[in-house]
Amino acid sequence: MKNSKKILFFLCTILVIVILIFSMESKKMPKEIISTTNAPQAIGPYSQAVKTKNLMFISGQIPMDPMTGNLVEGSIEDEANQVLKNLKSICEAAGYSLDDAVKITIFLTDLGNFAVVNDVMKEHFSEPYPARATVEVSGLPLGVNVEIEAIISIDG
């Protein structure tokens, strides 16, 4: 009798675990990959953007001209403008705009360029501005000076 209670307890535990696993699987968020030729193609094993439920996550963009594949050379202003054009193109490919951005992260190789990038942002975003973090890093892909990633609200 004692062993049958242990077996019953064990089977009930297994049943609860199986139910939890299947209930978690059904809550798995579907994701849609966003891609456009109007922004640089991924240079690694990642997507330009991933849309899931009410958010779209845009991978970090660098100052690469999507039509030529060349890096934009010149001032940090020129680089930041190209990066934001790339972000805008990805937003538009999914039917959204930079005004739908709720969070951006800016990576700079020199925080001395912070004020210039701020000015460029004002040309591409309108109030209310998205939340933002700016981080100085020791290096970025292909030796660029700025990279920006974004999270876009797709609630409408």
N, C-alpha and C. Protein backbone atom coordinates (compact mmCIF):
# COMPACT_ATOMS: atom_id res chain seq x y z
N MET A 1 0.82 -1.19 0.00
CA MET A 1 0.00 0.00 0.00
C MET A 1 0.86 1.25 0.00
N LYS A 2 1.95 1.19 0.82
CA LYS A 2 2.84 2.32 0.90
C LYS A 2 3.49 2.61 -0.45
N ASN A 3 3.90 1.58 -1.18
CA ASN A 3 4.52 1.73 -2.48
C ASN A 3 3.54 2.27 -3.51
N SER A 4 2.29 1.88 -3.44
CA SER A 4 1.31 2.37 -4.41
C SER A 4 1.06 3.86 -4.24
N LYS A 5 1.15 4.39 -3.01
CA LYS A 5 1.02 5.83 -2.78
C LYS A 5 2.21 6.57 -3.39
N LYS A 6 3.39 5.99 -3.27
CA LYS A 6 4.58 6.60 -3.85
C LYS A 6 4.48 6.61 -5.37
N ILE A 7 4.01 5.52 -5.93
CA ILE A 7 3.85 5.43 -7.39
C ILE A 7 2.81 6.43 -7.87
N LEU A 8 1.68 6.52 -7.15
CA LEU A 8 0.64 7.48 -7.51
C LEU A 8 1.16 8.91 -7.43
N PHE A 9 1.91 9.22 -6.37
CA PHE A 9 2.49 10.56 -6.22
C PHE A 9 3.45 10.85 -7.38
N PHE A 10 4.28 9.87 -7.72
CA PHE A 10 5.23 10.02 -8.81
C PHE A 10 4.51 10.27 -10.14
N LEU A 11 3.47 9.51 -10.43
CA LEU A 11 2.71 9.67 -11.67
C LEU A 11 2.00 11.02 -11.72
N CYS A 12 1.47 11.45 -10.60
CA CYS A 12 0.82 12.78 -10.55
C CYS A 12 1.83 13.89 -10.80
N THR A 13 3.03 13.75 -10.24
CA THR A 13 4.09 14.73 -10.45
C THR A 13 4.46 14.80 -11.93
N ILE A 14 4.62 13.65 -12.56
CA ILE A 14 4.93 13.60 -13.98
C ILE A 14 3.83 14.28 -14.79
N LEU A 15 2.58 14.01 -14.44
CA LEU A 15 1.44 14.60 -15.14
C LEU A 15 1.46 16.13 -15.02
N VAL A 16 1.73 16.64 -13.84
CA VAL A 16 1.79 18.09 -13.63
C VAL A 16 2.92 18.70 -14.46
N ILE A 17 4.06 18.06 -14.49
CA ILE A 17 5.19 18.56 -15.29
C ILE A 17 4.84 18.59 -16.77
N VAL A 18 4.23 17.54 -17.26
CA VAL A 18 3.84 17.48 -18.67
C VAL A 18 2.84 18.58 -18.99
N ILE A 19 1.86 18.80 -18.12
CA ILE A 19 0.87 19.86 -18.33
C ILE A 19 1.56 21.22 -18.36
N LEU A 20 2.50 21.46 -17.46
CA LEU A 20 3.23 22.74 -17.44
C LEU A 20 4.03 22.93 -18.72
N ILE A 21 4.69 21.90 -19.17
CA ILE A 21 5.49 22.01 -20.39
C ILE A 21 4.60 22.35 -21.58
N PHE A 22 3.49 21.66 -21.73
CA PHE A 22 2.61 21.92 -22.87
C PHE A 22 1.93 23.28 -22.76
N SER A 23 1.63 23.73 -21.56
CA SER A 23 1.01 25.05 -21.43
C SER A 23 2.02 26.15 -21.76
N MET A 24 3.29 25.93 -21.45
CA MET A 24 4.33 26.91 -21.79
C MET A 24 4.56 26.93 -23.29
N GLU A 25 4.52 25.79 -23.94
CA GLU A 25 4.71 25.72 -25.38
C GLU A 25 3.63 26.51 -26.11
N SER A 26 2.41 26.44 -25.64
CA SER A 26 1.33 27.14 -26.32
C SER A 26 1.45 28.65 -26.17
N LYS A 27 2.22 29.12 -25.20
CA LYS A 27 2.42 30.55 -24.99
C LYS A 27 3.64 31.07 -25.74
N LYS A 28 4.33 30.22 -26.42
CA LYS A 28 5.51 30.64 -27.16
C LYS A 28 5.11 31.69 -28.18
N MET A 29 5.84 32.79 -28.18
CA MET A 29 5.49 33.89 -29.06
C MET A 29 5.91 33.60 -30.50
N PRO A 30 4.99 33.76 -31.44
CA PRO A 30 5.38 33.60 -32.84
C PRO A 30 6.27 34.78 -33.23
N LYS A 31 7.19 34.53 -34.14
CA LYS A 31 8.03 35.64 -34.59
C LYS A 31 8.04 35.69 -36.11
N GLU A 32 8.14 36.91 -36.60
CA GLU A 32 8.19 37.16 -38.04
C GLU A 32 9.49 37.88 -38.34
N ILE A 33 10.21 37.39 -39.33
CA ILE A 33 11.47 38.00 -39.72
C ILE A 33 11.18 39.12 -40.71
N ILE A 34 11.77 40.28 -40.46
CA ILE A 34 11.63 41.44 -41.35
C ILE A 34 12.95 41.62 -42.09
N SER A 35 12.86 41.78 -43.40
CA SER A 35 14.06 41.96 -44.21
C SER A 35 13.74 42.89 -45.37
N THR A 36 14.69 43.73 -45.72
CA THR A 36 14.53 44.62 -46.84
C THR A 36 15.87 44.83 -47.53
N THR A 37 15.83 45.05 -48.83
CA THR A 37 17.06 45.36 -49.56
C THR A 37 17.42 46.84 -49.41
N ASN A 38 16.53 47.62 -48.78
CA ASN A 38 16.79 49.05 -48.57
C ASN A 38 17.62 49.33 -47.33
N ALA A 39 18.10 48.27 -46.69
CA ALA A 39 19.03 48.39 -45.57
C ALA A 39 20.09 47.31 -45.77
N PRO A 40 21.26 47.50 -45.17
CA PRO A 40 22.32 46.51 -45.36
C PRO A 40 21.88 45.11 -44.93
N GLN A 41 22.29 44.13 -45.69
CA GLN A 41 21.99 42.75 -45.34
C GLN A 41 22.84 42.36 -44.13
N ALA A 42 22.34 41.44 -43.34
CA ALA A 42 23.05 40.99 -42.15
C ALA A 42 24.44 40.47 -42.54
N ILE A 43 25.44 40.83 -41.73
CA ILE A 43 26.80 40.37 -42.01
C ILE A 43 27.18 39.21 -41.09
N GLY A 44 26.18 38.55 -40.54
CA GLY A 44 26.40 37.41 -39.66
C GLY A 44 25.11 36.62 -39.54
N PRO A 45 25.07 35.68 -38.62
CA PRO A 45 23.89 34.83 -38.46
C PRO A 45 22.80 35.50 -37.60
N TYR A 46 22.20 36.54 -38.15
CA TYR A 46 21.12 37.24 -37.47
C TYR A 46 20.20 37.86 -38.51
N SER A 47 19.05 38.35 -38.07
CA SER A 47 18.06 38.96 -38.95
C SER A 47 18.13 40.48 -38.82
N GLN A 48 17.73 41.19 -39.88
CA GLN A 48 17.66 42.65 -39.78
C GLN A 48 16.71 43.05 -38.66
N ALA A 49 15.57 42.37 -38.59
CA ALA A 49 14.60 42.66 -37.52
C ALA A 49 13.73 41.44 -37.28
N VAL A 50 13.21 41.37 -36.07
CA VAL A 50 12.29 40.30 -35.68
C VAL A 50 11.08 40.95 -35.02
N LYS A 51 9.90 40.61 -35.54
CA LYS A 51 8.64 41.12 -35.01
C LYS A 51 7.98 40.01 -34.22
N THR A 52 7.54 40.34 -33.00
CA THR A 52 6.86 39.36 -32.17
C THR A 52 5.86 40.07 -31.28
N LYS A 53 4.65 39.57 -31.28
CA LYS A 53 3.54 40.18 -30.53
C LYS A 53 3.49 41.67 -30.81
N ASN A 54 3.77 42.52 -29.79
CA ASN A 54 3.61 43.95 -29.98
C ASN A 54 4.92 44.72 -30.10
N LEU A 55 6.02 44.01 -30.36
CA LEU A 55 7.31 44.68 -30.50
C LEU A 55 8.08 44.17 -31.72
N MET A 56 8.91 45.05 -32.26
CA MET A 56 9.83 44.66 -33.32
C MET A 56 11.23 45.06 -32.85
N PHE A 57 12.15 44.12 -32.92
CA PHE A 57 13.52 44.34 -32.50
C PHE A 57 14.39 44.47 -33.75
N ILE A 58 15.01 45.64 -33.91
CA ILE A 58 15.87 45.87 -35.08
C ILE A 58 17.32 45.70 -34.65
N SER A 59 18.02 44.83 -35.36
CA SER A 59 19.44 44.60 -35.07
C SER A 59 20.23 45.88 -35.29
N GLY A 60 21.37 45.95 -34.63
CA GLY A 60 22.23 47.12 -34.76
C GLY A 60 22.57 47.40 -36.22
N GLN A 61 22.40 48.66 -36.58
CA GLN A 61 22.71 49.10 -37.95
C GLN A 61 23.98 49.92 -37.93
N ILE A 62 24.78 49.76 -38.97
CA ILE A 62 26.02 50.51 -39.12
C ILE A 62 25.90 51.41 -40.34
N PRO A 63 26.82 52.35 -40.52
CA PRO A 63 26.73 53.29 -41.64
C PRO A 63 27.15 52.68 -42.98
N MET A 64 26.38 51.70 -43.43
CA MET A 64 26.66 51.06 -44.71
C MET A 64 25.55 51.43 -45.68
N ASP A 65 25.94 51.85 -46.86
CA ASP A 65 24.99 52.16 -47.92
C ASP A 65 24.46 50.85 -48.48
N PRO A 66 23.17 50.58 -48.38
CA PRO A 66 22.65 49.28 -48.82
C PRO A 66 22.71 49.09 -50.34
N MET A 67 22.76 50.18 -51.08
CA MET A 67 22.80 50.06 -52.55
C MET A 67 24.18 49.69 -53.06
N THR A 68 25.23 50.20 -52.39
CA THR A 68 26.60 49.93 -52.86
C THR A 68 27.32 48.90 -51.99
N GLY A 69 26.86 48.74 -50.76
CA GLY A 69 27.55 47.86 -49.83
C GLY A 69 28.79 48.49 -49.23
N ASN A 70 29.00 49.77 -49.54
CA ASN A 70 30.17 50.48 -49.02
C ASN A 70 29.83 51.20 -47.72
N LEU A 71 30.83 51.32 -46.85
CA LEU A 71 30.66 52.10 -45.64
C LEU A 71 30.65 53.57 -45.99
N VAL A 72 29.82 54.33 -45.31
CA VAL A 72 29.79 55.78 -45.50
C VAL A 72 31.01 56.35 -44.81
N GLU A 73 31.77 57.11 -45.56
CA GLU A 73 32.96 57.74 -44.99
C GLU A 73 32.69 59.22 -44.84
N GLY A 74 33.38 59.84 -43.94
CA GLY A 74 33.18 61.26 -43.70
C GLY A 74 33.04 61.51 -42.22
N SER A 75 32.15 62.44 -41.89
CA SER A 75 31.98 62.84 -40.50
C SER A 75 31.10 61.86 -39.73
N ILE A 76 31.14 61.99 -38.41
CA ILE A 76 30.26 61.18 -37.58
C ILE A 76 28.80 61.53 -37.90
N GLU A 77 28.55 62.74 -38.31
CA GLU A 77 27.21 63.16 -38.71
C GLU A 77 26.74 62.36 -39.94
N ASP A 78 27.63 62.22 -40.93
CA ASP A 78 27.31 61.42 -42.12
C ASP A 78 27.03 59.97 -41.74
N GLU A 79 27.86 59.43 -40.86
CA GLU A 79 27.68 58.03 -40.44
C GLU A 79 26.36 57.85 -39.70
N ALA A 80 26.06 58.73 -38.75
CA ALA A 80 24.83 58.62 -37.96
C ALA A 80 23.60 58.77 -38.86
N ASN A 81 23.66 59.68 -39.82
CA ASN A 81 22.54 59.84 -40.76
C ASN A 81 22.28 58.55 -41.53
N GLN A 82 23.33 57.89 -42.01
CA GLN A 82 23.15 56.64 -42.75
C GLN A 82 22.58 55.54 -41.86
N VAL A 83 23.07 55.47 -40.64
CA VAL A 83 22.57 54.46 -39.70
C VAL A 83 21.07 54.66 -39.49
N LEU A 84 20.65 55.90 -39.28
CA LEU A 84 19.23 56.18 -39.04
C LEU A 84 18.39 55.97 -40.30
N LYS A 85 18.97 56.22 -41.47
CA LYS A 85 18.26 55.90 -42.72
C LYS A 85 18.03 54.39 -42.82
N ASN A 86 19.03 53.61 -42.43
CA ASN A 86 18.90 52.15 -42.46
C ASN A 86 17.81 51.68 -41.49
N LEU A 87 17.81 52.24 -40.28
CA LEU A 87 16.76 51.90 -39.31
C LEU A 87 15.38 52.26 -39.86
N LYS A 88 15.29 53.44 -40.46
CA LYS A 88 14.02 53.90 -41.04
C LYS A 88 13.54 52.95 -42.13
N SER A 89 14.45 52.49 -42.98
CA SER A 89 14.09 51.57 -44.06
C SER A 89 13.53 50.25 -43.52
N ILE A 90 14.12 49.76 -42.46
CA ILE A 90 13.63 48.52 -41.87
C ILE A 90 12.25 48.74 -41.25
N CYS A 91 12.08 49.87 -40.56
CA CYS A 91 10.76 50.20 -40.01
C CYS A 91 9.72 50.24 -41.12
N GLU A 92 10.03 50.94 -42.19
CA GLU A 92 9.08 51.09 -43.30
C GLU A 92 8.77 49.75 -43.97
N ALA A 93 9.76 48.87 -44.05
CA ALA A 93 9.53 47.54 -44.65
C ALA A 93 8.48 46.76 -43.86
N ALA A 94 8.38 47.05 -42.56
CA ALA A 94 7.41 46.37 -41.71
C ALA A 94 6.12 47.18 -41.55
N GLY A 95 6.07 48.37 -42.17
CA GLY A 95 4.87 49.19 -42.08
C GLY A 95 4.86 50.16 -40.91
N TYR A 96 6.03 50.49 -40.38
CA TYR A 96 6.13 51.39 -39.22
C TYR A 96 7.10 52.52 -39.54
N SER A 97 7.32 53.39 -38.56
CA SER A 97 8.25 54.49 -38.75
C SER A 97 9.11 54.65 -37.50
N LEU A 98 10.11 55.51 -37.59
CA LEU A 98 10.96 55.77 -36.43
C LEU A 98 10.16 56.37 -35.28
N ASP A 99 9.04 57.01 -35.59
CA ASP A 99 8.20 57.55 -34.52
C ASP A 99 7.60 56.46 -33.65
N ASP A 100 7.62 55.21 -34.11
CA ASP A 100 7.12 54.09 -33.33
C ASP A 100 8.19 53.50 -32.41
N ALA A 101 9.41 54.05 -32.48
CA ALA A 101 10.50 53.55 -31.63
C ALA A 101 10.21 53.86 -30.17
N VAL A 102 10.38 52.85 -29.32
CA VAL A 102 10.20 53.05 -27.88
C VAL A 102 11.54 53.01 -27.14
N LYS A 103 12.56 52.42 -27.75
CA LYS A 103 13.88 52.35 -27.13
C LYS A 103 14.94 52.19 -28.20
N ILE A 104 15.99 52.98 -28.09
CA ILE A 104 17.14 52.79 -28.97
C ILE A 104 18.39 52.70 -28.12
N THR A 105 19.36 51.99 -28.65
CA THR A 105 20.67 51.91 -28.00
C THR A 105 21.69 52.34 -29.03
N ILE A 106 22.51 53.31 -28.64
CA ILE A 106 23.55 53.85 -29.52
C ILE A 106 24.90 53.38 -28.99
N PHE A 107 25.69 52.84 -29.89
CA PHE A 107 27.05 52.42 -29.55
C PHE A 107 28.01 53.35 -30.29
N LEU A 108 28.87 54.01 -29.54
CA LEU A 108 29.86 54.92 -30.12
C LEU A 108 31.26 54.48 -29.73
N THR A 109 32.21 54.65 -30.64
CA THR A 109 33.59 54.35 -30.28
C THR A 109 34.24 55.52 -29.57
N ASP A 110 33.56 56.69 -29.57
CA ASP A 110 34.07 57.87 -28.89
C ASP A 110 32.88 58.69 -28.38
N LEU A 111 32.71 58.74 -27.06
CA LEU A 111 31.60 59.51 -26.50
C LEU A 111 31.74 61.01 -26.77
N GLY A 112 32.90 61.41 -27.27
CA GLY A 112 33.08 62.80 -27.69
C GLY A 112 32.15 63.16 -28.84
N ASN A 113 31.60 62.14 -29.53
CA ASN A 113 30.66 62.36 -30.64
C ASN A 113 29.20 62.40 -30.18
N PHE A 114 28.99 62.32 -28.88
CA PHE A 114 27.64 62.25 -28.31
C PHE A 114 26.76 63.43 -28.77
N ALA A 115 27.25 64.64 -28.68
CA ALA A 115 26.46 65.83 -29.02
C ALA A 115 26.09 65.85 -30.50
N VAL A 116 27.00 65.45 -31.36
CA VAL A 116 26.72 65.42 -32.80
C VAL A 116 25.63 64.41 -33.11
N VAL A 117 25.72 63.23 -32.51
CA VAL A 117 24.72 62.19 -32.73
C VAL A 117 23.36 62.64 -32.18
N ASN A 118 23.36 63.36 -31.06
CA ASN A 118 22.12 63.94 -30.53
C ASN A 118 21.46 64.84 -31.56
N ASP A 119 22.24 65.70 -32.18
CA ASP A 119 21.70 66.62 -33.19
C ASP A 119 21.13 65.87 -34.38
N VAL A 120 21.81 64.82 -34.81
CA VAL A 120 21.33 64.02 -35.93
C VAL A 120 20.02 63.32 -35.55
N MET A 121 19.94 62.83 -34.32
CA MET A 121 18.71 62.19 -33.86
C MET A 121 17.51 63.12 -33.97
N LYS A 122 17.70 64.38 -33.63
CA LYS A 122 16.60 65.36 -33.67
C LYS A 122 16.07 65.53 -35.09
N GLU A 123 16.90 65.25 -36.10
CA GLU A 123 16.46 65.35 -37.49
C GLU A 123 15.60 64.15 -37.90
N HIS A 124 15.76 63.03 -37.22
CA HIS A 124 15.08 61.79 -37.61
C HIS A 124 13.94 61.38 -36.68
N PHE A 125 13.93 61.89 -35.46
CA PHE A 125 12.90 61.54 -34.48
C PHE A 125 12.15 62.80 -34.09
N SER A 126 10.89 62.62 -33.73
CA SER A 126 10.11 63.75 -33.20
C SER A 126 9.68 63.41 -31.78
N GLU A 127 9.32 64.43 -31.03
CA GLU A 127 8.87 64.21 -29.66
C GLU A 127 7.52 63.52 -29.65
N PRO A 128 7.24 62.68 -28.70
CA PRO A 128 8.14 62.29 -27.61
C PRO A 128 9.21 61.33 -28.11
N TYR A 129 10.44 61.61 -27.71
CA TYR A 129 11.57 60.79 -28.14
C TYR A 129 11.53 59.42 -27.47
N PRO A 130 12.13 58.42 -28.11
CA PRO A 130 12.19 57.09 -27.48
C PRO A 130 13.15 57.10 -26.30
N ALA A 131 13.01 56.13 -25.42
CA ALA A 131 14.01 55.92 -24.38
C ALA A 131 15.32 55.57 -25.07
N ARG A 132 16.43 55.84 -24.40
CA ARG A 132 17.70 55.64 -25.09
C ARG A 132 18.82 55.35 -24.10
N ALA A 133 19.76 54.57 -24.56
CA ALA A 133 21.02 54.38 -23.86
C ALA A 133 22.12 54.63 -24.88
N THR A 134 23.19 55.28 -24.44
CA THR A 134 24.35 55.49 -25.30
C THR A 134 25.55 54.94 -24.57
N VAL A 135 26.30 54.10 -25.28
CA VAL A 135 27.42 53.40 -24.66
C VAL A 135 28.66 53.58 -25.52
N GLU A 136 29.78 53.85 -24.85
CA GLU A 136 31.06 53.88 -25.57
C GLU A 136 31.64 52.47 -25.56
N VAL A 137 32.06 52.03 -26.75
CA VAL A 137 32.64 50.69 -26.89
C VAL A 137 34.03 50.80 -27.51
N SER A 138 34.81 49.75 -27.34
CA SER A 138 36.18 49.79 -27.86
C SER A 138 36.25 49.52 -29.36
N GLY A 139 35.22 48.92 -29.92
CA GLY A 139 35.22 48.66 -31.36
C GLY A 139 33.84 48.24 -31.82
N LEU A 140 33.59 48.44 -33.12
CA LEU A 140 32.32 48.06 -33.74
C LEU A 140 32.62 47.32 -35.04
N PRO A 141 31.62 46.59 -35.58
CA PRO A 141 31.85 45.82 -36.81
C PRO A 141 32.40 46.69 -37.94
N LEU A 142 33.33 46.13 -38.65
CA LEU A 142 33.97 46.75 -39.82
C LEU A 142 34.66 48.07 -39.49
N GLY A 143 34.93 48.31 -38.21
CA GLY A 143 35.66 49.50 -37.80
C GLY A 143 34.87 50.79 -37.84
N VAL A 144 33.54 50.70 -37.86
CA VAL A 144 32.73 51.93 -37.90
C VAL A 144 32.74 52.63 -36.55
N ASN A 145 32.24 53.86 -36.53
CA ASN A 145 32.24 54.66 -35.31
C ASN A 145 30.91 54.70 -34.58
N VAL A 146 29.84 54.26 -35.25
CA VAL A 146 28.51 54.31 -34.63
C VAL A 146 27.67 53.13 -35.09
N GLU A 147 26.89 52.58 -34.17
CA GLU A 147 25.93 51.53 -34.46
C GLU A 147 24.71 51.82 -33.58
N ILE A 148 23.52 51.62 -34.15
CA ILE A 148 22.29 51.87 -33.38
C ILE A 148 21.33 50.70 -33.59
N GLU A 149 20.73 50.23 -32.49
CA GLU A 149 19.68 49.22 -32.54
C GLU A 149 18.40 49.85 -31.99
N ALA A 150 17.27 49.26 -32.32
CA ALA A 150 16.01 49.88 -31.90
C ALA A 150 14.95 48.82 -31.55
N ILE A 151 14.06 49.23 -30.66
CA ILE A 151 12.86 48.44 -30.35
C ILE A 151 11.66 49.30 -30.76
N ILE A 152 10.80 48.73 -31.58
CA ILE A 152 9.67 49.46 -32.16
C ILE A 152 8.37 48.89 -31.59
N SER A 153 7.48 49.78 -31.19
CA SER A 153 6.15 49.37 -30.75
C SER A 153 5.26 49.16 -31.97
N ILE A 154 4.59 48.04 -32.03
CA ILE A 154 3.73 47.77 -33.20
C ILE A 154 2.27 47.67 -32.78
N ASP A 155 1.94 48.33 -31.68
CA ASP A 155 0.56 48.36 -31.22
C ASP A 155 -0.29 49.31 -32.03
N GLY A 156 0.34 50.15 -32.81
CA GLY A 156 -0.41 51.09 -33.62
C GLY A 156 -0.42 52.38 -33.02
